[in-house]
Every structure is written in structure tokens, then in C-alpha cells.
Amino acid sequence: MTANLHFPHWKKWAEGYACVSVEKSHREIRINYIKNQKEHHRHKSFAEEYGEFLAEYGFDAES
């Protein structure tokens, strides 16, 4: 995203931030993930999971 009429003063994403969209068909899966997030992250840290997510979709974790 480089421009948006609703946010005329917006220039770019802050360092270290990202945006991810989710398919509507996966809505219930995502809701349940959020509800169980605390328990889920006892077994796998957010950093580990996020790194796996980036790798799975071909993103460079260092970018």
C-alpha cells in the first residue's frame, strides 16, 4: 500500500510491522486460534510460529 485517500498523511509501514489478510472461509479457524492463543503459545512462541509462517509463504524473515 503506497497511498490511501482515507489516510492522506500516511507514508509507509513502520519498521517491523506487517499486514496479513485471511480468507473468509477460514474465519472460524482464526477465531478459535485467537481464543486459544494463550495455551497455544505455551508450546510454540509467537516468534517461532511467525518465522514458520513467513517461510511457508516465501517471505524473508529478515526483510
C-alpha atoms as a PDB file:
ATOM      1  CA  MET A   1       0.000   0.000   0.000  1.00  0.00           C
ATOM      2  CA  THR A   2       1.532   3.266  -1.053  1.00  0.00           C
ATOM      3  CA  ALA A   3      -1.442   5.652  -0.856  1.00  0.00           C
ATOM      4  CA  ASN A   4      -4.939   5.764   0.611  1.00  0.00           C
ATOM      5  CA  LEU A   5      -7.404   8.645   0.341  1.00  0.00           C
ATOM      6  CA  HIS A   6      -8.696   7.879   3.852  1.00  0.00           C
ATOM      7  CA  PHE A   7      -5.201   8.392   5.330  1.00  0.00           C
ATOM      8  CA  PRO A   8      -3.629  11.293   3.391  1.00  0.00           C
ATOM      9  CA  HIS A   9      -0.678  11.697   5.802  1.00  0.00           C
ATOM     10  CA  TRP A  10       0.262   8.001   5.784  1.00  0.00           C
ATOM     11  CA  LYS A  11       3.665   7.430   4.148  1.00  0.00           C
ATOM     12  CA  LYS A  12       4.747   3.831   4.860  1.00  0.00           C
ATOM     13  CA  TRP A  13       4.604   0.945   7.306  1.00  0.00           C
ATOM     14  CA  ALA A  14       6.658   1.392  10.449  1.00  0.00           C
ATOM     15  CA  GLU A  15       9.791  -0.742  10.702  1.00  0.00           C
ATOM     16  CA  GLY A  16       8.916  -4.284  11.788  1.00  0.00           C
ATOM     17  CA  TYR A  17       5.175  -4.132  11.043  1.00  0.00           C
ATOM     18  CA  ALA A  18       3.183  -6.112   8.502  1.00  0.00           C
ATOM     19  CA  CYS A  19      -0.368  -6.726   7.381  1.00  0.00           C
ATOM     20  CA  VAL A  20      -1.893 -10.120   6.657  1.00  0.00           C
ATOM     21  CA  SER A  21      -5.333 -10.886   5.284  1.00  0.00           C
ATOM     22  CA  VAL A  22      -7.299 -14.050   5.970  1.00  0.00           C
ATOM     23  CA  GLU A  23      -9.775 -15.820   3.696  1.00  0.00           C
ATOM     24  CA  LYS A  24     -13.378 -15.531   4.811  1.00  0.00           C
ATOM     25  CA  SER A  25     -13.695 -19.324   4.598  1.00  0.00           C
ATOM     26  CA  HIS A  26     -11.076 -19.612   7.383  1.00  0.00           C
ATOM     27  CA  ARG A  27     -12.903 -17.254   9.747  1.00  0.00           C
ATOM     28  CA  GLU A  28     -13.918 -19.843  12.375  1.00  0.00           C
ATOM     29  CA  ILE A  29     -10.419 -21.361  12.379  1.00  0.00           C
ATOM     30  CA  ARG A  30      -8.924 -17.923  13.087  1.00  0.00           C
ATOM     31  CA  ILE A  31     -11.482 -17.138  15.803  1.00  0.00           C
ATOM     32  CA  ASN A  32     -10.660 -20.407  17.576  1.00  0.00           C
ATOM     33  CA  TYR A  33      -6.925 -19.749  17.189  1.00  0.00           C
ATOM     34  CA  ILE A  34      -7.325 -16.354  18.885  1.00  0.00           C
ATOM     35  CA  LYS A  35      -9.477 -17.805  21.675  1.00  0.00           C
ATOM     36  CA  ASN A  36      -6.835 -20.476  22.392  1.00  0.00           C
ATOM     37  CA  GLN A  37      -3.780 -18.328  21.742  1.00  0.00           C
ATOM     38  CA  LYS A  38      -2.543 -18.248  25.337  1.00  0.00           C
ATOM     39  CA  GLU A  39      -2.481 -22.043  25.583  1.00  0.00           C
ATOM     40  CA  HIS A  40      -1.122 -22.436  22.051  1.00  0.00           C
ATOM     41  CA  HIS A  41       1.873 -20.190  22.765  1.00  0.00           C
ATOM     42  CA  ARG A  42       2.863 -22.244  25.814  1.00  0.00           C
ATOM     43  CA  HIS A  43       4.094 -24.823  23.298  1.00  0.00           C
ATOM     44  CA  LYS A  44       5.344 -22.601  20.479  1.00  0.00           C
ATOM     45  CA  SER A  45       6.391 -18.963  20.816  1.00  0.00           C
ATOM     46  CA  PHE A  46       4.940 -16.287  18.592  1.00  0.00           C
ATOM     47  CA  ALA A  47       8.415 -15.702  17.111  1.00  0.00           C
ATOM     48  CA  GLU A  48       8.739 -19.390  16.174  1.00  0.00           C
ATOM     49  CA  GLU A  49       5.276 -19.514  14.666  1.00  0.00           C
ATOM     50  CA  TYR A  50       5.707 -16.242  12.780  1.00  0.00           C
ATOM     51  CA  GLY A  51       9.038 -17.427  11.339  1.00  0.00           C
ATOM     52  CA  GLU A  52       7.369 -20.627  10.131  1.00  0.00           C
ATOM     53  CA  PHE A  53       4.531 -18.609   8.599  1.00  0.00           C
ATOM     54  CA  LEU A  54       6.940 -16.355   6.715  1.00  0.00           C
ATOM     55  CA  ALA A  55       8.929 -19.324   5.423  1.00  0.00           C
ATOM     56  CA  GLU A  56       5.784 -21.210   4.375  1.00  0.00           C
ATOM     57  CA  TYR A  57       4.647 -18.311   2.193  1.00  0.00           C
ATOM     58  CA  GLY A  58       8.074 -17.476   0.804  1.00  0.00           C
ATOM     59  CA  PHE A  59       8.858 -14.306   2.765  1.00  0.00           C
ATOM     60  CA  ASP A  60      12.326 -13.458   4.011  1.00  0.00           C
ATOM     61  CA  ALA A  61      12.138 -13.120   7.793  1.00  0.00           C
ATOM     62  CA  GLU A  62      14.991 -10.590   7.704  1.00  0.00           C
ATOM     63  CA  SER A  63      13.150  -8.166   5.371  1.00  0.00           C
END
